[in-house]
Amino acid sequence: MPSFNVDSVRIDPEEYVNECSEREIRELINEIRDNYADIFEEEIKDDVDEAIQNCTDDIRSEGHRIYINHLNTLKREWYSVTKEDAEIIAILAKKYGAL
């Protein structure tokens, strides 16, 4: 992880993350998830709950509800998605015009 002398300088979290390599960012995410799971999960849960609330009015069928539930599960577990999983998601997104 990048080192900063926090006694003499106030470091903005965004500045810190911008100095991290991809490996260090993954390490930081794992550290937060493993040691601050209650806070981390609550933040994600709030975002997912809001997204669910925003889309429940638009549910058109049971199949659509299942689809939305699968997407919400992926949103909650984004930090656990492997490179291979991300590639599959990218293929699906490209297939349906998102990329």
N, C-alpha and C. Protein backbone atom coordinates (compact mmCIF):
# COMPACT_ATOMS: atom_id res chain seq x y z
N MET A 1 0.83 -1.17 0.00
CA MET A 1 0.00 0.00 0.00
C MET A 1 0.88 1.25 0.00
N PRO A 2 0.41 2.31 -0.63
CA PRO A 2 1.18 3.56 -0.59
C PRO A 2 1.33 4.05 0.84
N SER A 3 2.45 4.68 1.12
CA SER A 3 2.70 5.19 2.46
C SER A 3 2.57 6.70 2.46
N PHE A 4 1.89 7.20 3.48
CA PHE A 4 1.75 8.63 3.67
C PHE A 4 2.08 8.94 5.12
N ASN A 5 2.70 10.08 5.35
CA ASN A 5 2.95 10.53 6.71
C ASN A 5 1.71 11.29 7.17
N VAL A 6 0.82 10.61 7.87
CA VAL A 6 -0.47 11.20 8.23
C VAL A 6 -0.37 12.17 9.39
N ASP A 7 0.76 12.24 10.06
CA ASP A 7 0.91 13.19 11.16
C ASP A 7 1.04 14.62 10.65
N SER A 8 1.62 14.77 9.49
CA SER A 8 1.87 16.13 8.99
C SER A 8 0.97 16.53 7.82
N VAL A 9 0.28 15.57 7.22
CA VAL A 9 -0.51 15.86 6.03
C VAL A 9 -1.87 15.19 6.14
N ARG A 10 -2.89 15.91 5.74
CA ARG A 10 -4.24 15.33 5.68
C ARG A 10 -4.42 14.74 4.29
N ILE A 11 -4.66 13.43 4.22
CA ILE A 11 -4.79 12.74 2.94
C ILE A 11 -6.27 12.45 2.68
N ASP A 12 -6.74 12.90 1.54
CA ASP A 12 -8.10 12.62 1.12
C ASP A 12 -8.18 11.16 0.68
N PRO A 13 -9.23 10.43 1.07
CA PRO A 13 -9.33 9.02 0.66
C PRO A 13 -9.21 8.82 -0.85
N GLU A 14 -9.79 9.72 -1.63
CA GLU A 14 -9.70 9.59 -3.08
C GLU A 14 -8.26 9.73 -3.56
N GLU A 15 -7.53 10.65 -2.95
CA GLU A 15 -6.12 10.83 -3.29
C GLU A 15 -5.32 9.55 -2.97
N TYR A 16 -5.62 8.96 -1.81
CA TYR A 16 -4.95 7.74 -1.41
C TYR A 16 -5.21 6.62 -2.42
N VAL A 17 -6.50 6.42 -2.76
CA VAL A 17 -6.88 5.34 -3.68
C VAL A 17 -6.27 5.58 -5.06
N ASN A 18 -6.23 6.84 -5.50
CA ASN A 18 -5.65 7.15 -6.80
C ASN A 18 -4.17 6.79 -6.88
N GLU A 19 -3.49 6.76 -5.74
CA GLU A 19 -2.08 6.40 -5.70
C GLU A 19 -1.86 4.89 -5.64
N CYS A 20 -2.92 4.12 -5.42
CA CYS A 20 -2.81 2.67 -5.31
C CYS A 20 -2.80 2.01 -6.69
N SER A 21 -2.06 0.92 -6.78
CA SER A 21 -2.11 0.09 -7.98
C SER A 21 -3.39 -0.75 -7.92
N GLU A 22 -3.70 -1.43 -9.01
CA GLU A 22 -4.89 -2.29 -9.01
C GLU A 22 -4.78 -3.35 -7.92
N ARG A 23 -3.61 -3.93 -7.76
CA ARG A 23 -3.40 -4.94 -6.71
C ARG A 23 -3.64 -4.34 -5.33
N GLU A 24 -3.14 -3.14 -5.11
CA GLU A 24 -3.31 -2.48 -3.82
C GLU A 24 -4.77 -2.12 -3.55
N ILE A 25 -5.50 -1.74 -4.59
CA ILE A 25 -6.92 -1.45 -4.42
C ILE A 25 -7.67 -2.71 -4.02
N ARG A 26 -7.36 -3.82 -4.69
CA ARG A 26 -7.98 -5.09 -4.31
C ARG A 26 -7.65 -5.46 -2.86
N GLU A 27 -6.40 -5.23 -2.48
CA GLU A 27 -5.97 -5.49 -1.11
C GLU A 27 -6.74 -4.60 -0.13
N LEU A 28 -6.92 -3.35 -0.49
CA LEU A 28 -7.67 -2.42 0.35
C LEU A 28 -9.13 -2.86 0.50
N ILE A 29 -9.74 -3.25 -0.60
CA ILE A 29 -11.14 -3.74 -0.56
C ILE A 29 -11.24 -4.96 0.34
N ASN A 30 -10.32 -5.89 0.18
CA ASN A 30 -10.34 -7.09 1.03
C ASN A 30 -10.15 -6.74 2.49
N GLU A 31 -9.25 -5.81 2.76
CA GLU A 31 -9.02 -5.37 4.15
C GLU A 31 -10.28 -4.77 4.75
N ILE A 32 -10.93 -3.91 4.00
CA ILE A 32 -12.16 -3.28 4.49
C ILE A 32 -13.25 -4.33 4.68
N ARG A 33 -13.40 -5.20 3.70
CA ARG A 33 -14.44 -6.24 3.78
C ARG A 33 -14.19 -7.16 4.97
N ASP A 34 -12.94 -7.57 5.17
CA ASP A 34 -12.63 -8.53 6.22
C ASP A 34 -12.65 -7.93 7.62
N ASN A 35 -12.24 -6.68 7.76
CA ASN A 35 -12.10 -6.09 9.08
C ASN A 35 -13.18 -5.07 9.45
N TYR A 36 -13.95 -4.66 8.47
CA TYR A 36 -15.02 -3.70 8.72
C TYR A 36 -16.30 -4.17 8.03
N ALA A 37 -16.54 -5.47 8.07
CA ALA A 37 -17.64 -6.08 7.32
C ALA A 37 -18.98 -5.46 7.66
N ASP A 38 -19.22 -5.16 8.94
CA ASP A 38 -20.52 -4.62 9.33
C ASP A 38 -20.78 -3.29 8.65
N ILE A 39 -19.81 -2.41 8.59
CA ILE A 39 -19.97 -1.11 7.93
C ILE A 39 -20.06 -1.30 6.42
N PHE A 40 -19.16 -2.11 5.88
CA PHE A 40 -19.09 -2.35 4.45
C PHE A 40 -20.40 -2.94 3.93
N GLU A 41 -20.88 -3.98 4.59
CA GLU A 41 -22.12 -4.63 4.17
C GLU A 41 -23.31 -3.70 4.31
N GLU A 42 -23.34 -2.87 5.34
CA GLU A 42 -24.46 -1.96 5.54
C GLU A 42 -24.53 -0.93 4.42
N GLU A 43 -23.36 -0.40 4.01
CA GLU A 43 -23.32 0.56 2.90
C GLU A 43 -23.86 -0.06 1.62
N ILE A 44 -23.39 -1.26 1.32
CA ILE A 44 -23.83 -1.94 0.10
C ILE A 44 -25.31 -2.29 0.21
N LYS A 45 -25.74 -2.78 1.38
CA LYS A 45 -27.14 -3.13 1.58
C LYS A 45 -28.03 -1.92 1.32
N ASP A 46 -27.64 -0.75 1.81
CA ASP A 46 -28.44 0.45 1.58
C ASP A 46 -28.57 0.75 0.10
N ASP A 47 -27.46 0.65 -0.64
CA ASP A 47 -27.50 0.90 -2.08
C ASP A 47 -28.39 -0.10 -2.80
N VAL A 48 -28.26 -1.37 -2.42
CA VAL A 48 -29.07 -2.42 -3.06
C VAL A 48 -30.54 -2.24 -2.71
N ASP A 49 -30.83 -1.95 -1.45
CA ASP A 49 -32.22 -1.74 -1.05
C ASP A 49 -32.85 -0.60 -1.84
N GLU A 50 -32.10 0.48 -2.03
CA GLU A 50 -32.61 1.61 -2.81
C GLU A 50 -32.86 1.20 -4.26
N ALA A 51 -31.93 0.45 -4.83
CA ALA A 51 -32.11 -0.01 -6.21
C ALA A 51 -33.31 -0.92 -6.34
N ILE A 52 -33.49 -1.81 -5.37
CA ILE A 52 -34.65 -2.71 -5.40
C ILE A 52 -35.93 -1.89 -5.32
N GLN A 53 -35.96 -0.93 -4.42
CA GLN A 53 -37.15 -0.09 -4.25
C GLN A 53 -37.48 0.65 -5.54
N ASN A 54 -36.44 1.12 -6.22
CA ASN A 54 -36.65 1.88 -7.45
C ASN A 54 -37.17 1.03 -8.59
N CYS A 55 -36.91 -0.27 -8.57
CA CYS A 55 -37.30 -1.09 -9.71
C CYS A 55 -38.49 -1.99 -9.43
N THR A 56 -38.96 -2.09 -8.21
CA THR A 56 -40.06 -3.02 -7.93
C THR A 56 -41.35 -2.61 -8.61
N ASP A 57 -41.53 -1.34 -8.86
CA ASP A 57 -42.75 -0.89 -9.54
C ASP A 57 -42.78 -1.35 -10.99
N ASP A 58 -41.62 -1.66 -11.54
CA ASP A 58 -41.53 -2.02 -12.95
C ASP A 58 -41.51 -3.52 -13.20
N ILE A 59 -41.68 -4.34 -12.17
CA ILE A 59 -41.65 -5.80 -12.34
C ILE A 59 -42.84 -6.22 -13.19
N ARG A 60 -42.54 -6.89 -14.29
CA ARG A 60 -43.59 -7.26 -15.25
C ARG A 60 -44.02 -8.72 -15.17
N SER A 61 -43.17 -9.57 -14.61
CA SER A 61 -43.50 -10.99 -14.54
C SER A 61 -42.63 -11.67 -13.49
N GLU A 62 -42.94 -12.93 -13.19
CA GLU A 62 -42.12 -13.67 -12.24
C GLU A 62 -40.70 -13.86 -12.78
N GLY A 63 -40.58 -14.08 -14.09
CA GLY A 63 -39.26 -14.20 -14.71
C GLY A 63 -38.46 -12.92 -14.56
N HIS A 64 -39.12 -11.79 -14.69
CA HIS A 64 -38.46 -10.51 -14.53
C HIS A 64 -38.02 -10.32 -13.08
N ARG A 65 -38.86 -10.74 -12.14
CA ARG A 65 -38.51 -10.64 -10.72
C ARG A 65 -37.26 -11.48 -10.42
N ILE A 66 -37.21 -12.69 -10.97
CA ILE A 66 -36.04 -13.56 -10.77
C ILE A 66 -34.80 -12.91 -11.35
N TYR A 67 -34.93 -12.36 -12.55
CA TYR A 67 -33.82 -11.66 -13.20
C TYR A 67 -33.31 -10.51 -12.34
N ILE A 68 -34.22 -9.69 -11.82
CA ILE A 68 -33.85 -8.56 -10.96
C ILE A 68 -33.16 -9.07 -9.69
N ASN A 69 -33.67 -10.16 -9.11
CA ASN A 69 -33.05 -10.73 -7.91
C ASN A 69 -31.62 -11.18 -8.19
N HIS A 70 -31.41 -11.80 -9.36
CA HIS A 70 -30.05 -12.22 -9.73
C HIS A 70 -29.12 -11.02 -9.87
N LEU A 71 -29.61 -9.96 -10.51
CA LEU A 71 -28.79 -8.76 -10.65
C LEU A 71 -28.47 -8.14 -9.30
N ASN A 72 -29.44 -8.13 -8.41
CA ASN A 72 -29.21 -7.57 -7.08
C ASN A 72 -28.20 -8.39 -6.30
N THR A 73 -28.22 -9.71 -6.47
CA THR A 73 -27.22 -10.55 -5.83
C THR A 73 -25.83 -10.22 -6.35
N LEU A 74 -25.72 -10.04 -7.66
CA LEU A 74 -24.43 -9.65 -8.23
C LEU A 74 -23.97 -8.30 -7.69
N LYS A 75 -24.89 -7.36 -7.52
CA LYS A 75 -24.52 -6.05 -6.98
C LYS A 75 -23.98 -6.17 -5.56
N ARG A 76 -24.60 -7.03 -4.78
CA ARG A 76 -24.15 -7.18 -3.38
C ARG A 76 -22.80 -7.87 -3.30
N GLU A 77 -22.48 -8.70 -4.27
CA GLU A 77 -21.25 -9.50 -4.22
C GLU A 77 -20.19 -9.01 -5.20
N TRP A 78 -20.28 -7.77 -5.64
CA TRP A 78 -19.36 -7.26 -6.65
C TRP A 78 -17.90 -7.43 -6.27
N TYR A 79 -17.59 -7.35 -5.01
CA TYR A 79 -16.19 -7.44 -4.57
C TYR A 79 -15.66 -8.88 -4.62
N SER A 80 -16.55 -9.86 -4.80
CA SER A 80 -16.13 -11.26 -4.87
C SER A 80 -16.06 -11.79 -6.30
N VAL A 81 -16.45 -10.99 -7.26
CA VAL A 81 -16.49 -11.44 -8.65
C VAL A 81 -15.07 -11.68 -9.14
N THR A 82 -14.85 -12.86 -9.69
CA THR A 82 -13.53 -13.19 -10.22
C THR A 82 -13.34 -12.57 -11.60
N LYS A 83 -12.13 -12.61 -12.09
CA LYS A 83 -11.85 -12.10 -13.43
C LYS A 83 -12.69 -12.83 -14.47
N GLU A 84 -12.80 -14.13 -14.32
CA GLU A 84 -13.58 -14.94 -15.26
C GLU A 84 -15.07 -14.54 -15.21
N ASP A 85 -15.59 -14.34 -13.99
CA ASP A 85 -16.98 -13.90 -13.85
C ASP A 85 -17.18 -12.55 -14.52
N ALA A 86 -16.24 -11.64 -14.30
CA ALA A 86 -16.34 -10.30 -14.89
C ALA A 86 -16.33 -10.37 -16.42
N GLU A 87 -15.55 -11.31 -16.96
CA GLU A 87 -15.52 -11.47 -18.41
C GLU A 87 -16.86 -11.97 -18.94
N ILE A 88 -17.50 -12.88 -18.21
CA ILE A 88 -18.82 -13.37 -18.61
C ILE A 88 -19.84 -12.23 -18.56
N ILE A 89 -19.79 -11.43 -17.50
CA ILE A 89 -20.70 -10.30 -17.38
C ILE A 89 -20.47 -9.32 -18.53
N ALA A 90 -19.21 -9.08 -18.87
CA ALA A 90 -18.88 -8.17 -19.98
C ALA A 90 -19.41 -8.71 -21.30
N ILE A 91 -19.32 -10.01 -21.51
CA ILE A 91 -19.85 -10.62 -22.73
C ILE A 91 -21.36 -10.40 -22.81
N LEU A 92 -22.05 -10.63 -21.70
CA LEU A 92 -23.50 -10.41 -21.68
C LEU A 92 -23.84 -8.94 -21.91
N ALA A 93 -23.10 -8.05 -21.28
CA ALA A 93 -23.36 -6.62 -21.44
C ALA A 93 -23.15 -6.21 -22.90
N LYS A 94 -22.07 -6.71 -23.50
CA LYS A 94 -21.80 -6.39 -24.90
C LYS A 94 -22.90 -6.95 -25.80
N LYS A 95 -23.34 -8.17 -25.52
CA LYS A 95 -24.39 -8.81 -26.31
C LYS A 95 -25.65 -7.95 -26.33
N TYR A 96 -25.96 -7.31 -25.21
CA TYR A 96 -27.19 -6.55 -25.10
C TYR A 96 -26.97 -5.05 -25.24
N GLY A 97 -25.80 -4.67 -25.75
CA GLY A 97 -25.57 -3.29 -26.14
C GLY A 97 -25.08 -2.35 -25.05
N ALA A 98 -24.69 -2.86 -23.89
CA ALA A 98 -24.25 -1.98 -22.81
C ALA A 98 -22.81 -1.51 -23.02
N LEU A 99 -22.01 -2.26 -23.74
CA LEU A 99 -20.60 -1.89 -23.95
C LEU A 99 -20.35 -1.55 -25.40
